[in-house]
Amino acid sequence: MTVYGRSDVVSIAVSTAHGGCGEPHTRPDPDPHRAPMALWSLSCARGCEDVLRQDPRWAGEVSSVPETPDETRVREDQEKRGIREQSDATAEALQRLGQLGDLPGVLAAFMEYLAAQTGPAAPVPDPRGAAEDTRDDGSDAEAEDTGAGDPRPASARPTGHGLTSFLPRRRG
């Protein structure tokens, strides 16, 4: 079974007294003018693998290879910067939205623009599963018009479940 070494381990020798083969194992260096391989997999059937599995600088799976202290600092710094950048971008977006003024009016105007360009919006199916009309009074659900004054056809009006698609209907 193969073990994988942390990126700062360049060579290892496990003595026979400690359960290894006693031979040195060195990280492969395919090009002496460049940095050694980032991922080092070591296979030694004479006991070194079993000993190294217990060492905190080695792992039995690629996804479990521990970070070096330097790699940990870099990752933590990048995470902090990412959170800060995300927070800054959110604040900037909210500030720009605030400059638009009446946001619902702006969205309504945008939706009218989209409808003029692509046709009326198609309703979004109810994610809970569209319930069929179970009324036994013989009335037709489509005949019921609850959108008095709404110029959109009934199929393009909100469905009552709070979700309305703003995507154009596909044509042809």
N, C-alpha and C. Protein backbone atom coordinates (compact mmCIF):
# COMPACT_ATOMS: atom_id res chain seq x y z
N MET A 1 0.85 -1.18 0.00
CA MET A 1 0.00 0.00 0.00
C MET A 1 0.90 1.24 0.00
N THR A 2 0.52 2.25 -0.71
CA THR A 2 1.31 3.46 -0.88
C THR A 2 0.99 4.47 0.22
N VAL A 3 2.00 5.24 0.63
CA VAL A 3 1.80 6.36 1.55
C VAL A 3 2.28 7.62 0.84
N TYR A 4 1.73 8.78 1.27
CA TYR A 4 2.03 10.04 0.62
C TYR A 4 2.65 11.00 1.63
N GLY A 5 3.77 11.60 1.25
CA GLY A 5 4.50 12.47 2.15
C GLY A 5 4.14 13.93 2.01
N ARG A 6 4.25 14.65 3.14
CA ARG A 6 4.05 16.09 3.16
C ARG A 6 5.06 16.74 2.23
N SER A 7 4.78 17.91 1.72
CA SER A 7 5.63 18.51 0.69
C SER A 7 7.01 18.96 1.19
N ASP A 8 7.21 19.05 2.50
CA ASP A 8 8.53 19.44 2.99
C ASP A 8 9.41 18.25 3.34
N VAL A 9 8.93 17.03 3.14
CA VAL A 9 9.74 15.83 3.38
C VAL A 9 10.43 15.48 2.07
N VAL A 10 11.77 15.46 2.12
CA VAL A 10 12.54 15.21 0.92
C VAL A 10 13.15 13.81 0.92
N SER A 11 13.46 13.31 2.10
CA SER A 11 14.08 12.00 2.20
C SER A 11 13.70 11.38 3.54
N ILE A 12 13.63 10.04 3.56
CA ILE A 12 13.31 9.34 4.80
C ILE A 12 14.00 7.98 4.76
N ALA A 13 14.48 7.55 5.92
CA ALA A 13 15.03 6.20 6.07
C ALA A 13 14.52 5.66 7.39
N VAL A 14 13.86 4.52 7.34
CA VAL A 14 13.33 3.89 8.55
C VAL A 14 14.22 2.69 8.82
N SER A 15 14.86 2.70 9.97
CA SER A 15 15.80 1.63 10.31
C SER A 15 15.09 0.29 10.50
N THR A 16 15.86 -0.79 10.35
CA THR A 16 15.28 -2.11 10.55
C THR A 16 14.86 -2.30 12.00
N ALA A 17 15.52 -1.62 12.92
CA ALA A 17 15.16 -1.72 14.33
C ALA A 17 13.79 -1.11 14.61
N HIS A 18 13.35 -0.19 13.74
CA HIS A 18 12.05 0.46 13.90
C HIS A 18 10.99 -0.13 12.98
N GLY A 19 11.31 -1.19 12.25
CA GLY A 19 10.34 -1.87 11.41
C GLY A 19 10.43 -1.54 9.93
N GLY A 20 11.42 -0.75 9.53
CA GLY A 20 11.57 -0.39 8.12
C GLY A 20 12.59 -1.25 7.42
N CYS A 21 12.94 -0.86 6.22
CA CYS A 21 13.89 -1.63 5.42
C CYS A 21 15.34 -1.16 5.64
N GLY A 22 15.52 0.02 6.22
CA GLY A 22 16.85 0.54 6.45
C GLY A 22 17.42 1.32 5.28
N GLU A 23 16.78 1.28 4.14
CA GLU A 23 17.25 1.98 2.94
C GLU A 23 16.65 3.39 2.91
N PRO A 24 17.42 4.37 2.39
CA PRO A 24 16.86 5.72 2.26
C PRO A 24 15.89 5.79 1.07
N HIS A 25 14.82 6.53 1.27
CA HIS A 25 13.85 6.80 0.20
C HIS A 25 13.88 8.30 -0.02
N THR A 26 14.03 8.72 -1.29
CA THR A 26 14.17 10.14 -1.62
C THR A 26 13.06 10.55 -2.58
N ARG A 27 12.56 11.77 -2.35
CA ARG A 27 11.52 12.32 -3.24
C ARG A 27 12.08 12.38 -4.65
N PRO A 28 11.34 11.85 -5.63
CA PRO A 28 11.81 11.90 -7.02
C PRO A 28 12.00 13.34 -7.49
N ASP A 29 13.05 13.54 -8.26
CA ASP A 29 13.36 14.86 -8.79
C ASP A 29 13.54 14.71 -10.30
N PRO A 30 12.42 14.82 -11.06
CA PRO A 30 12.51 14.57 -12.50
C PRO A 30 13.39 15.57 -13.25
N ASP A 31 13.53 16.77 -12.73
CA ASP A 31 14.34 17.80 -13.39
C ASP A 31 15.14 18.52 -12.31
N PRO A 32 16.44 18.38 -12.28
CA PRO A 32 17.25 18.99 -11.23
C PRO A 32 17.23 20.52 -11.23
N HIS A 33 16.75 21.13 -12.32
CA HIS A 33 16.71 22.58 -12.42
C HIS A 33 15.39 23.16 -11.90
N ARG A 34 14.46 22.28 -11.53
CA ARG A 34 13.16 22.73 -11.03
C ARG A 34 12.93 22.16 -9.64
N ALA A 35 11.86 22.58 -9.01
CA ALA A 35 11.51 22.09 -7.68
C ALA A 35 11.13 20.61 -7.77
N PRO A 36 11.35 19.86 -6.69
CA PRO A 36 10.96 18.45 -6.68
C PRO A 36 9.45 18.30 -6.83
N MET A 37 9.02 17.08 -7.07
CA MET A 37 7.61 16.78 -7.25
C MET A 37 6.82 17.22 -6.02
N ALA A 38 5.65 17.81 -6.26
CA ALA A 38 4.82 18.29 -5.15
C ALA A 38 4.22 17.13 -4.38
N LEU A 39 3.83 16.07 -5.04
CA LEU A 39 3.21 14.92 -4.39
C LEU A 39 4.17 13.75 -4.45
N TRP A 40 4.52 13.25 -3.29
CA TRP A 40 5.46 12.13 -3.22
C TRP A 40 4.72 10.91 -2.72
N SER A 41 4.64 9.90 -3.55
CA SER A 41 4.06 8.63 -3.13
C SER A 41 5.20 7.65 -2.93
N LEU A 42 5.14 6.98 -1.80
CA LEU A 42 6.21 6.04 -1.43
C LEU A 42 5.61 4.65 -1.29
N SER A 43 6.20 3.71 -1.99
CA SER A 43 5.79 2.31 -1.87
C SER A 43 7.02 1.49 -1.49
N CYS A 44 6.97 0.89 -0.31
CA CYS A 44 8.06 0.05 0.16
C CYS A 44 7.43 -1.14 0.88
N ALA A 45 7.50 -2.27 0.24
CA ALA A 45 6.85 -3.47 0.77
C ALA A 45 7.63 -4.07 1.95
N ARG A 46 8.78 -3.51 2.30
CA ARG A 46 9.59 -4.11 3.37
C ARG A 46 9.37 -3.43 4.71
N GLY A 47 8.22 -2.79 4.91
CA GLY A 47 7.86 -2.30 6.24
C GLY A 47 7.84 -0.79 6.42
N CYS A 48 8.46 -0.04 5.55
CA CYS A 48 8.52 1.42 5.74
C CYS A 48 7.12 2.04 5.70
N GLU A 49 6.28 1.56 4.81
CA GLU A 49 4.93 2.12 4.69
C GLU A 49 4.16 1.99 6.00
N ASP A 50 4.24 0.82 6.62
CA ASP A 50 3.50 0.59 7.87
C ASP A 50 3.96 1.55 8.97
N VAL A 51 5.25 1.80 9.03
CA VAL A 51 5.78 2.72 10.04
C VAL A 51 5.38 4.16 9.72
N LEU A 52 5.47 4.54 8.46
CA LEU A 52 5.18 5.92 8.06
C LEU A 52 3.69 6.26 8.18
N ARG A 53 2.81 5.26 8.13
CA ARG A 53 1.39 5.53 8.34
C ARG A 53 1.12 6.12 9.72
N GLN A 54 1.98 5.86 10.66
CA GLN A 54 1.82 6.37 12.02
C GLN A 54 2.47 7.75 12.20
N ASP A 55 3.24 8.18 11.21
CA ASP A 55 3.94 9.47 11.27
C ASP A 55 3.00 10.58 10.82
N PRO A 56 2.92 11.70 11.56
CA PRO A 56 1.99 12.77 11.20
C PRO A 56 2.35 13.51 9.91
N ARG A 57 3.51 13.26 9.35
CA ARG A 57 3.89 13.91 8.10
C ARG A 57 3.52 13.08 6.87
N TRP A 58 2.88 11.93 7.08
CA TRP A 58 2.52 11.02 6.00
C TRP A 58 1.04 10.67 6.08
N ALA A 59 0.47 10.27 4.95
CA ALA A 59 -0.94 9.90 4.90
C ALA A 59 -1.14 8.72 3.97
N GLY A 60 -2.19 7.97 4.21
CA GLY A 60 -2.51 6.81 3.39
C GLY A 60 -3.29 7.16 2.14
N GLU A 61 -3.82 8.39 2.06
CA GLU A 61 -4.58 8.83 0.89
C GLU A 61 -4.11 10.21 0.46
N VAL A 62 -4.20 10.48 -0.82
CA VAL A 62 -3.77 11.77 -1.35
C VAL A 62 -4.54 12.92 -0.69
N SER A 63 -5.84 12.73 -0.49
CA SER A 63 -6.67 13.79 0.08
C SER A 63 -6.37 14.06 1.55
N SER A 64 -5.62 13.18 2.18
CA SER A 64 -5.33 13.33 3.62
C SER A 64 -3.91 13.81 3.89
N VAL A 65 -3.14 14.13 2.87
CA VAL A 65 -1.76 14.57 3.07
C VAL A 65 -1.78 15.85 3.90
N PRO A 66 -1.09 15.87 5.05
CA PRO A 66 -1.10 17.06 5.90
C PRO A 66 -0.37 18.24 5.26
N GLU A 67 -0.81 19.43 5.64
CA GLU A 67 -0.15 20.65 5.17
C GLU A 67 1.09 20.93 6.00
N THR A 68 2.05 21.58 5.38
CA THR A 68 3.20 22.06 6.14
C THR A 68 2.76 23.31 6.88
N PRO A 69 3.51 23.75 7.90
CA PRO A 69 3.15 25.00 8.58
C PRO A 69 3.05 26.19 7.62
N ASP A 70 3.93 26.26 6.64
CA ASP A 70 3.87 27.35 5.66
C ASP A 70 2.61 27.27 4.81
N GLU A 71 2.25 26.06 4.37
CA GLU A 71 1.03 25.89 3.58
C GLU A 71 -0.21 26.25 4.38
N THR A 72 -0.20 25.92 5.67
CA THR A 72 -1.33 26.27 6.54
C THR A 72 -1.48 27.78 6.65
N ARG A 73 -0.36 28.48 6.86
CA ARG A 73 -0.41 29.95 6.95
C ARG A 73 -0.91 30.58 5.66
N VAL A 74 -0.44 30.09 4.53
CA VAL A 74 -0.87 30.64 3.23
C VAL A 74 -2.36 30.40 3.03
N ARG A 75 -2.85 29.17 3.31
CA ARG A 75 -4.26 28.87 3.14
C ARG A 75 -5.13 29.73 4.06
N GLU A 76 -4.73 29.86 5.32
CA GLU A 76 -5.52 30.68 6.25
C GLU A 76 -5.54 32.14 5.82
N ASP A 77 -4.40 32.64 5.32
CA ASP A 77 -4.35 34.02 4.84
C ASP A 77 -5.26 34.20 3.63
N GLN A 78 -5.25 33.22 2.71
CA GLN A 78 -6.12 33.31 1.54
C GLN A 78 -7.59 33.24 1.93
N GLU A 79 -7.92 32.42 2.93
CA GLU A 79 -9.31 32.34 3.39
C GLU A 79 -9.75 33.68 3.99
N LYS A 80 -8.88 34.29 4.80
CA LYS A 80 -9.21 35.58 5.40
C LYS A 80 -9.39 36.64 4.31
N ARG A 81 -8.50 36.64 3.34
CA ARG A 81 -8.60 37.61 2.24
C ARG A 81 -9.87 37.37 1.44
N GLY A 82 -10.20 36.11 1.21
CA GLY A 82 -11.41 35.77 0.45
C GLY A 82 -12.66 36.25 1.17
N ILE A 83 -12.71 36.06 2.47
CA ILE A 83 -13.87 36.51 3.26
C ILE A 83 -13.95 38.03 3.21
N ARG A 84 -12.81 38.68 3.36
CA ARG A 84 -12.78 40.14 3.32
C ARG A 84 -13.20 40.66 1.95
N GLU A 85 -12.68 40.04 0.88
CA GLU A 85 -13.03 40.47 -0.47
C GLU A 85 -14.51 40.24 -0.76
N GLN A 86 -15.04 39.11 -0.29
CA GLN A 86 -16.47 38.83 -0.48
C GLN A 86 -17.32 39.85 0.26
N SER A 87 -16.91 40.19 1.47
CA SER A 87 -17.64 41.18 2.25
C SER A 87 -17.60 42.54 1.57
N ASP A 88 -16.43 42.92 1.07
CA ASP A 88 -16.29 44.20 0.36
C ASP A 88 -17.16 44.22 -0.90
N ALA A 89 -17.17 43.11 -1.65
CA ALA A 89 -17.97 43.05 -2.88
C ALA A 89 -19.46 43.13 -2.56
N THR A 90 -19.89 42.48 -1.48
CA THR A 90 -21.30 42.54 -1.08
C THR A 90 -21.68 43.95 -0.69
N ALA A 91 -20.82 44.62 0.08
CA ALA A 91 -21.10 46.00 0.48
C ALA A 91 -21.19 46.92 -0.74
N GLU A 92 -20.29 46.72 -1.69
CA GLU A 92 -20.31 47.54 -2.90
C GLU A 92 -21.58 47.30 -3.71
N ALA A 93 -21.98 46.03 -3.82
CA ALA A 93 -23.21 45.71 -4.57
C ALA A 93 -24.43 46.32 -3.89
N LEU A 94 -24.49 46.25 -2.57
CA LEU A 94 -25.62 46.84 -1.85
C LEU A 94 -25.64 48.35 -2.01
N GLN A 95 -24.46 48.96 -2.01
CA GLN A 95 -24.38 50.40 -2.19
C GLN A 95 -24.89 50.78 -3.59
N ARG A 96 -24.51 50.01 -4.60
CA ARG A 96 -24.98 50.29 -5.96
C ARG A 96 -26.49 50.07 -6.08
N LEU A 97 -27.01 49.04 -5.42
CA LEU A 97 -28.45 48.82 -5.43
C LEU A 97 -29.18 49.98 -4.76
N GLY A 98 -28.60 50.52 -3.69
CA GLY A 98 -29.20 51.65 -2.99
C GLY A 98 -29.27 52.88 -3.87
N GLN A 99 -28.34 53.03 -4.79
CA GLN A 99 -28.33 54.18 -5.68
C GLN A 99 -29.42 54.09 -6.75
N LEU A 100 -30.00 52.91 -6.93
CA LEU A 100 -31.05 52.75 -7.93
C LEU A 100 -32.37 53.36 -7.49
N GLY A 101 -32.51 53.59 -6.20
CA GLY A 101 -33.74 54.20 -5.72
C GLY A 101 -34.80 53.15 -5.47
N ASP A 102 -35.95 53.30 -6.12
CA ASP A 102 -37.08 52.40 -5.95
C ASP A 102 -36.79 51.09 -6.66
N LEU A 103 -36.25 50.14 -5.92
CA LEU A 103 -35.83 48.88 -6.51
C LEU A 103 -36.98 48.09 -7.14
N PRO A 104 -38.13 47.93 -6.48
CA PRO A 104 -39.22 47.20 -7.15
C PRO A 104 -39.62 47.85 -8.47
N GLY A 105 -39.63 49.16 -8.53
CA GLY A 105 -39.95 49.84 -9.78
C GLY A 105 -38.92 49.55 -10.86
N VAL A 106 -37.65 49.53 -10.47
CA VAL A 106 -36.58 49.24 -11.42
C VAL A 106 -36.72 47.81 -11.93
N LEU A 107 -37.01 46.88 -11.02
CA LEU A 107 -37.18 45.49 -11.45
C LEU A 107 -38.39 45.33 -12.36
N ALA A 108 -39.48 46.02 -12.03
CA ALA A 108 -40.67 45.95 -12.88
C ALA A 108 -40.37 46.47 -14.28
N ALA A 109 -39.64 47.58 -14.36
CA ALA A 109 -39.27 48.13 -15.67
C ALA A 109 -38.37 47.15 -16.43
N PHE A 110 -37.47 46.50 -15.70
CA PHE A 110 -36.58 45.53 -16.33
C PHE A 110 -37.38 44.34 -16.85
N MET A 111 -38.36 43.88 -16.07
CA MET A 111 -39.18 42.76 -16.50
C MET A 111 -40.02 43.12 -17.73
N GLU A 112 -40.52 44.34 -17.77
CA GLU A 112 -41.27 44.78 -18.94
C GLU A 112 -40.36 44.81 -20.16
N TYR A 113 -39.13 45.27 -19.97
CA TYR A 113 -38.16 45.28 -21.06
C TYR A 113 -37.90 43.86 -21.56
N LEU A 114 -37.68 42.92 -20.61
CA LEU A 114 -37.43 41.54 -21.01
C LEU A 114 -38.63 40.94 -21.74
N ALA A 115 -39.83 41.20 -21.23
CA ALA A 115 -41.03 40.67 -21.86
C ALA A 115 -41.18 41.20 -23.28
N ALA A 116 -40.85 42.45 -23.49
CA ALA A 116 -40.94 43.04 -24.83
C ALA A 116 -39.91 42.41 -25.77
N GLN A 117 -38.75 42.01 -25.23
CA GLN A 117 -37.69 41.44 -26.05
C GLN A 117 -37.90 39.96 -26.35
N THR A 118 -38.45 39.23 -25.37
CA THR A 118 -38.47 37.77 -25.49
C THR A 118 -39.84 37.15 -25.38
N GLY A 119 -40.84 37.90 -25.10
CA GLY A 119 -42.17 37.34 -24.89
C GLY A 119 -42.45 37.23 -23.40
N PRO A 120 -43.67 36.90 -23.04
CA PRO A 120 -44.02 36.84 -21.62
C PRO A 120 -43.26 35.75 -20.89
N ALA A 121 -43.09 35.94 -19.60
CA ALA A 121 -42.38 34.98 -18.77
C ALA A 121 -43.23 33.73 -18.57
N ALA A 122 -42.55 32.60 -18.53
CA ALA A 122 -43.23 31.33 -18.28
C ALA A 122 -43.29 31.11 -16.77
N PRO A 123 -44.38 30.57 -16.26
CA PRO A 123 -44.45 30.33 -14.82
C PRO A 123 -43.52 29.20 -14.41
N VAL A 124 -43.04 29.27 -13.19
CA VAL A 124 -42.18 28.23 -12.64
C VAL A 124 -43.08 27.16 -12.03
N PRO A 125 -42.81 25.89 -12.31
CA PRO A 125 -43.63 24.85 -11.69
C PRO A 125 -43.44 24.87 -10.17
N ASP A 126 -44.48 24.55 -9.46
CA ASP A 126 -44.45 24.52 -8.01
C ASP A 126 -43.49 23.42 -7.57
N PRO A 127 -42.41 23.75 -6.81
CA PRO A 127 -41.44 22.73 -6.43
C PRO A 127 -42.03 21.68 -5.50
N ARG A 128 -43.13 21.97 -4.88
CA ARG A 128 -43.78 21.00 -4.00
C ARG A 128 -44.62 20.03 -4.80
N GLY A 129 -44.67 20.20 -6.09
CA GLY A 129 -45.49 19.35 -6.95
C GLY A 129 -46.81 20.04 -7.19
N ALA A 130 -47.10 20.33 -8.42
CA ALA A 130 -48.33 21.05 -8.73
C ALA A 130 -49.53 20.18 -8.40
N ALA A 131 -50.36 20.67 -7.55
CA ALA A 131 -51.57 19.93 -7.18
C ALA A 131 -52.59 20.08 -8.29
N GLU A 132 -53.21 18.99 -8.62
CA GLU A 132 -54.24 19.04 -9.65
C GLU A 132 -55.50 19.64 -9.07
N ASP A 133 -56.34 20.17 -9.95
CA ASP A 133 -57.59 20.76 -9.52
C ASP A 133 -58.52 19.65 -9.04
N THR A 134 -58.78 19.65 -7.74
CA THR A 134 -59.59 18.58 -7.17
C THR A 134 -60.99 19.05 -6.83
N ARG A 135 -61.37 20.23 -7.33
CA ARG A 135 -62.72 20.72 -7.04
C ARG A 135 -63.75 19.85 -7.73
N ASP A 136 -64.80 19.56 -7.03
CA ASP A 136 -65.82 18.71 -7.61
C ASP A 136 -67.08 19.48 -8.00
N ASP A 137 -66.89 20.84 -8.08
CA ASP A 137 -68.06 21.64 -8.42
C ASP A 137 -68.21 21.85 -9.92
N GLY A 138 -67.32 21.20 -10.70
CA GLY A 138 -67.43 21.29 -12.15
C GLY A 138 -66.78 22.54 -12.72
N SER A 139 -66.26 23.43 -11.89
CA SER A 139 -65.66 24.66 -12.43
C SER A 139 -64.28 24.36 -12.97
N ASP A 140 -63.83 25.21 -13.85
CA ASP A 140 -62.54 25.04 -14.49
C ASP A 140 -61.56 26.03 -13.85
N ALA A 141 -60.40 25.53 -13.38
CA ALA A 141 -59.44 26.39 -12.71
C ALA A 141 -58.95 27.48 -13.65
N GLU A 142 -58.82 27.18 -14.95
CA GLU A 142 -58.33 28.18 -15.89
C GLU A 142 -59.33 29.31 -16.10
N ALA A 143 -60.60 29.00 -15.94
CA ALA A 143 -61.62 30.02 -16.16
C ALA A 143 -61.63 31.04 -15.05
N GLU A 144 -61.07 30.68 -13.91
CA GLU A 144 -61.05 31.60 -12.77
C GLU A 144 -60.00 32.67 -13.02
N ASP A 145 -60.36 33.93 -13.02
CA ASP A 145 -59.45 35.02 -13.29
C ASP A 145 -59.34 35.87 -12.04
N THR A 146 -58.20 35.72 -11.33
CA THR A 146 -58.02 36.48 -10.10
C THR A 146 -57.13 37.69 -10.32
N GLY A 147 -56.65 37.90 -11.53
CA GLY A 147 -55.73 39.00 -11.77
C GLY A 147 -56.40 40.17 -12.44
N ALA A 148 -57.41 40.72 -11.81
CA ALA A 148 -58.13 41.85 -12.40
C ALA A 148 -57.16 42.99 -12.68
N GLY A 149 -57.16 43.48 -13.89
CA GLY A 149 -56.30 44.60 -14.25
C GLY A 149 -54.90 44.19 -14.66
N ASP A 150 -54.54 42.91 -14.52
CA ASP A 150 -53.21 42.44 -14.89
C ASP A 150 -53.23 42.12 -16.38
N PRO A 151 -52.44 42.82 -17.19
CA PRO A 151 -52.48 42.61 -18.63
C PRO A 151 -51.87 41.27 -19.07
N ARG A 152 -51.16 40.58 -18.18
CA ARG A 152 -50.54 39.31 -18.56
C ARG A 152 -51.59 38.21 -18.64
N PRO A 153 -51.37 37.24 -19.52
CA PRO A 153 -52.29 36.10 -19.55
C PRO A 153 -52.18 35.34 -18.23
N ALA A 154 -53.22 34.59 -17.87
CA ALA A 154 -53.25 33.87 -16.59
C ALA A 154 -52.04 32.97 -16.43
N SER A 155 -51.54 32.38 -17.52
CA SER A 155 -50.40 31.46 -17.42
C SER A 155 -49.11 32.17 -17.05
N ALA A 156 -49.06 33.51 -17.20
CA ALA A 156 -47.84 34.25 -16.90
C ALA A 156 -47.92 34.97 -15.57
N ARG A 157 -49.03 34.85 -14.86
CA ARG A 157 -49.18 35.51 -13.56
C ARG A 157 -48.58 34.66 -12.46
N PRO A 158 -48.26 35.26 -11.34
CA PRO A 158 -47.74 34.47 -10.22
C PRO A 158 -48.72 33.36 -9.86
N THR A 159 -48.18 32.21 -9.46
CA THR A 159 -49.00 31.04 -9.20
C THR A 159 -49.48 30.94 -7.77
N GLY A 160 -49.08 31.84 -6.92
CA GLY A 160 -49.54 31.81 -5.54
C GLY A 160 -48.59 31.11 -4.60
N HIS A 161 -47.60 30.41 -5.13
CA HIS A 161 -46.65 29.74 -4.25
C HIS A 161 -45.43 30.59 -3.99
N GLY A 162 -45.42 31.82 -4.46
CA GLY A 162 -44.33 32.74 -4.17
C GLY A 162 -43.21 32.70 -5.19
N LEU A 163 -43.26 31.81 -6.16
CA LEU A 163 -42.21 31.73 -7.16
C LEU A 163 -42.78 32.07 -8.52
N THR A 164 -42.14 32.96 -9.20
CA THR A 164 -42.53 33.31 -10.55
C THR A 164 -41.27 33.36 -11.38
N SER A 165 -41.29 32.74 -12.51
CA SER A 165 -40.12 32.73 -13.36
C SER A 165 -40.00 34.04 -14.10
N PHE A 166 -38.78 34.51 -14.22
CA PHE A 166 -38.53 35.69 -15.02
C PHE A 166 -37.74 35.30 -16.25
N LEU A 167 -37.74 34.00 -16.55
CA LEU A 167 -37.07 33.52 -17.73
C LEU A 167 -38.03 33.54 -18.91
N PRO A 168 -37.55 33.89 -20.06
CA PRO A 168 -38.46 33.90 -21.21
C PRO A 168 -38.85 32.49 -21.60
N ARG A 169 -40.00 32.37 -22.21
CA ARG A 169 -40.43 31.08 -22.73
C ARG A 169 -39.57 30.74 -23.94
N ARG A 170 -39.33 29.48 -24.08
CA ARG A 170 -38.57 29.05 -25.26
C ARG A 170 -39.45 29.12 -26.48
N ARG A 171 -38.86 29.57 -27.55
CA ARG A 171 -39.63 29.66 -28.79
C ARG A 171 -39.14 28.60 -29.76
N GLY A 172 -40.08 28.00 -30.42
CA GLY A 172 -39.90 27.13 -31.51
C GLY A 172 -38.95 26.06 -31.46
